[in-house]
Amino acid sequence: MYQSAFLQKQKNKEEIKNELDTLEIQLFRMQNNIKEIAKKSEVISIDQTPEEEWVVVYADREENTWQLMLNSCMEAYKGNWHSALQARLIDDSTIHIAAIKGEENKGYGSVLMEHLKEIAREENVQYITGDLVERDFDHVDRLKHFYKKHNFEVKVDHEEKCGEIIWNDDE
């Protein structure tokens, strides 16, 4: 019994050491990644995924088009994003999402969506919209779950294989 408790304590110490080593590596990469990203893009935030992975969120903004991108600090920045959200300002009250691309099921899309909503609030934009199109229908249930999780109204026409999403900041 004593030996088992001792081994458990040792394991916990080893797990903690591994977690600290991983965190130290991520922080080192974060510093280097931010330096490289800031040469070309606007660094918006340092954030963490639900799995406690540190990421750098950055943007390329032109007059009416925005691309929010994310780079994981688990890897060195090599000029490519791990996830990106492309949107355009339709008018003073509406941002339209054109695409969300990148690695799936890592929480990257959620991090980017929260930052898009934050930008919308800063710019006094009330609505974020988007379209579901035929190419989305092989994963439409996953998209519905994602958008509903982020407080979007989701309308889907399964027969026509189309749909729309709407987020209203007043709700």
Protein backbone atom coordinates (compact mmCIF):
# COMPACT_ATOMS: atom_id res chain seq x y z
CA MET A 1 0.00 0.00 0.00
CA TYR A 2 2.77 2.44 0.94
CA GLN A 3 4.69 1.67 -2.25
CA SER A 4 1.62 2.34 -4.41
CA ALA A 5 1.05 5.75 -2.76
CA PHE A 6 4.77 6.54 -3.20
CA LEU A 7 4.62 5.60 -6.92
CA GLN A 8 1.48 7.73 -7.36
CA LYS A 9 3.24 10.69 -5.74
CA GLN A 10 6.27 10.17 -7.99
CA LYS A 11 4.00 9.97 -11.02
CA ASN A 12 2.33 13.21 -10.04
CA LYS A 13 5.72 14.89 -9.68
CA GLU A 14 6.74 13.59 -13.12
CA GLU A 15 3.45 14.71 -14.68
CA ILE A 16 3.88 18.17 -13.14
CA LYS A 17 7.46 18.37 -14.45
CA ASN A 18 6.28 17.38 -17.95
CA GLU A 19 3.51 20.00 -17.83
CA LEU A 20 5.99 22.67 -16.74
CA ASP A 21 8.43 21.65 -19.49
CA THR A 22 5.65 21.84 -22.08
CA LEU A 23 4.56 25.24 -20.77
CA GLU A 24 8.14 26.53 -20.85
CA ILE A 25 8.55 25.39 -24.46
CA GLN A 26 5.24 27.02 -25.44
CA LEU A 27 6.22 30.31 -23.79
CA PHE A 28 9.59 30.31 -25.56
CA ARG A 29 7.87 29.62 -28.89
CA MET A 30 5.22 32.22 -28.14
CA GLN A 31 7.87 34.90 -27.76
CA ASN A 32 9.56 33.93 -31.03
CA ASN A 33 6.25 33.45 -32.86
CA ILE A 34 5.02 36.90 -31.85
CA LYS A 35 8.23 38.51 -33.11
CA GLU A 36 7.87 36.81 -36.50
CA ILE A 37 4.12 37.32 -36.86
CA ALA A 38 4.34 41.02 -35.90
CA LYS A 39 6.63 41.64 -38.89
CA LYS A 40 3.69 41.08 -41.27
CA SER A 41 0.45 41.14 -39.28
CA GLU A 42 -1.28 42.79 -36.35
CA VAL A 43 -0.98 40.63 -33.22
CA ILE A 44 -4.38 40.77 -31.53
CA SER A 45 -4.04 38.46 -28.58
CA ILE A 46 -2.42 35.57 -26.83
CA ASP A 47 -5.08 33.07 -25.89
CA GLN A 48 -5.55 29.53 -24.70
CA THR A 49 -7.66 26.72 -26.16
CA PRO A 50 -9.93 24.62 -23.94
CA GLU A 51 -7.11 22.04 -23.89
CA GLU A 52 -4.78 24.71 -22.42
CA GLU A 53 -2.75 25.10 -25.59
CA TRP A 54 -1.33 28.61 -25.96
CA VAL A 55 -1.97 30.34 -29.29
CA VAL A 56 -1.18 33.68 -30.91
CA VAL A 57 -4.15 35.35 -32.60
CA TYR A 58 -3.32 37.85 -35.33
CA ALA A 59 -5.03 39.67 -38.17
CA ASP A 60 -4.60 41.07 -41.61
CA ARG A 61 -7.16 43.81 -42.08
CA GLU A 62 -7.88 45.73 -45.22
CA GLU A 63 -10.64 48.26 -45.67
CA ASN A 64 -13.61 45.87 -45.54
CA THR A 65 -12.00 42.43 -45.32
CA TRP A 66 -10.48 40.80 -42.30
CA GLN A 67 -8.60 37.59 -41.85
CA LEU A 68 -8.11 36.45 -38.27
CA MET A 69 -5.46 33.78 -37.93
CA LEU A 70 -4.14 31.61 -35.17
CA ASN A 71 -0.78 29.96 -34.63
CA SER A 72 -0.23 27.30 -32.00
CA CYS A 73 2.72 27.80 -29.67
CA MET A 74 3.27 24.04 -29.72
CA GLU A 75 5.20 24.69 -32.94
CA ALA A 76 7.49 27.38 -34.28
CA TYR A 77 5.81 29.87 -36.63
CA LYS A 78 6.83 29.10 -40.21
CA GLY A 79 4.69 31.63 -42.04
CA ASN A 80 1.50 29.54 -42.04
CA TRP A 81 -1.48 29.67 -39.73
CA HIS A 82 -3.08 26.68 -38.01
CA SER A 83 -6.57 28.15 -38.36
CA ALA A 84 -8.08 31.21 -40.06
CA LEU A 85 -11.40 33.00 -40.16
CA GLN A 86 -12.12 35.19 -43.18
CA ALA A 87 -14.81 37.85 -42.96
CA ARG A 88 -15.86 41.05 -44.62
CA LEU A 89 -17.71 44.12 -43.43
CA ILE A 90 -20.96 44.29 -45.39
CA ASP A 91 -22.13 47.59 -43.90
CA ASP A 92 -21.89 49.46 -40.60
CA SER A 93 -23.96 46.84 -38.80
CA THR A 94 -22.96 43.49 -40.36
CA ILE A 95 -19.87 41.32 -40.67
CA HIS A 96 -20.21 38.32 -43.01
CA ILE A 97 -18.09 35.22 -42.42
CA ALA A 98 -16.72 33.91 -45.71
CA ALA A 99 -14.82 30.89 -44.35
CA ILE A 100 -13.29 29.22 -41.33
CA LYS A 101 -10.36 27.02 -42.25
CA GLY A 102 -7.77 24.94 -40.50
CA GLU A 103 -7.25 22.13 -38.06
CA GLU A 104 -10.45 20.73 -36.57
CA ASN A 105 -11.41 19.74 -33.03
CA LYS A 106 -8.63 21.68 -31.33
CA GLY A 107 -10.66 24.69 -30.19
CA TYR A 108 -8.99 26.99 -32.73
CA GLY A 109 -12.27 27.96 -34.44
CA SER A 110 -13.81 28.86 -31.07
CA VAL A 111 -10.87 31.07 -30.15
CA LEU A 112 -11.13 32.88 -33.51
CA MET A 113 -14.91 33.24 -33.21
CA GLU A 114 -14.63 34.83 -29.77
CA HIS A 115 -12.14 37.33 -31.16
CA LEU A 116 -14.36 38.11 -34.15
CA LYS A 117 -17.26 38.83 -31.78
CA GLU A 118 -14.97 41.01 -29.67
CA ILE A 119 -13.92 42.97 -32.77
CA ALA A 120 -17.57 43.33 -33.79
CA ARG A 121 -18.36 44.83 -30.39
CA GLU A 122 -15.36 47.19 -30.57
CA GLU A 123 -16.48 48.34 -34.05
CA ASN A 124 -20.15 48.62 -32.92
CA VAL A 125 -21.20 45.98 -35.43
CA GLN A 126 -24.43 44.33 -34.31
CA TYR A 127 -24.64 41.28 -36.61
CA ILE A 128 -22.35 38.53 -37.78
CA THR A 129 -23.77 36.46 -40.62
CA GLY A 130 -22.66 33.59 -42.79
CA ASP A 131 -23.91 31.06 -45.29
CA LEU A 132 -24.00 27.30 -45.21
CA VAL A 133 -23.44 25.98 -48.71
CA GLU A 134 -23.57 22.59 -50.37
CA ARG A 135 -19.90 21.80 -49.70
CA ASP A 136 -20.64 22.17 -45.95
CA PHE A 137 -23.25 19.43 -45.86
CA ASP A 138 -20.86 16.56 -45.22
CA HIS A 139 -20.26 18.18 -41.80
CA VAL A 140 -23.39 20.34 -41.35
CA ASP A 141 -24.24 18.83 -37.94
CA ARG A 142 -20.80 19.78 -36.62
CA LEU A 143 -21.26 23.31 -38.02
CA LYS A 144 -24.70 23.63 -36.41
CA HIS A 145 -23.23 22.59 -33.06
CA PHE A 146 -20.32 25.03 -33.43
CA TYR A 147 -22.46 28.03 -34.32
CA LYS A 148 -25.12 27.32 -31.70
CA LYS A 149 -22.36 27.02 -29.09
CA HIS A 150 -21.37 30.58 -30.08
CA ASN A 151 -24.96 31.91 -29.79
CA PHE A 152 -25.75 32.03 -33.50
CA GLU A 153 -29.20 31.39 -34.86
CA VAL A 154 -28.75 28.57 -37.39
CA LYS A 155 -31.23 27.96 -40.22
CA VAL A 156 -30.67 24.89 -42.40
CA ASP A 157 -32.56 23.74 -45.48
CA HIS A 158 -31.53 20.10 -45.89
CA GLU A 159 -33.43 19.67 -49.17
CA GLU A 160 -31.75 22.62 -50.89
CA LYS A 161 -28.45 22.03 -49.03
CA CYS A 162 -28.12 25.61 -47.90
CA GLY A 163 -28.52 27.66 -44.78
CA GLU A 164 -27.57 30.77 -42.90
CA ILE A 165 -26.19 31.79 -39.54
CA ILE A 166 -26.89 35.01 -37.68
CA TRP A 167 -25.39 36.38 -34.47
CA ASN A 168 -27.07 39.42 -32.96
CA ASP A 169 -25.10 41.26 -30.27
CA ASP A 170 -28.31 42.58 -28.71
CA GLU A 171 -29.47 39.12 -27.72
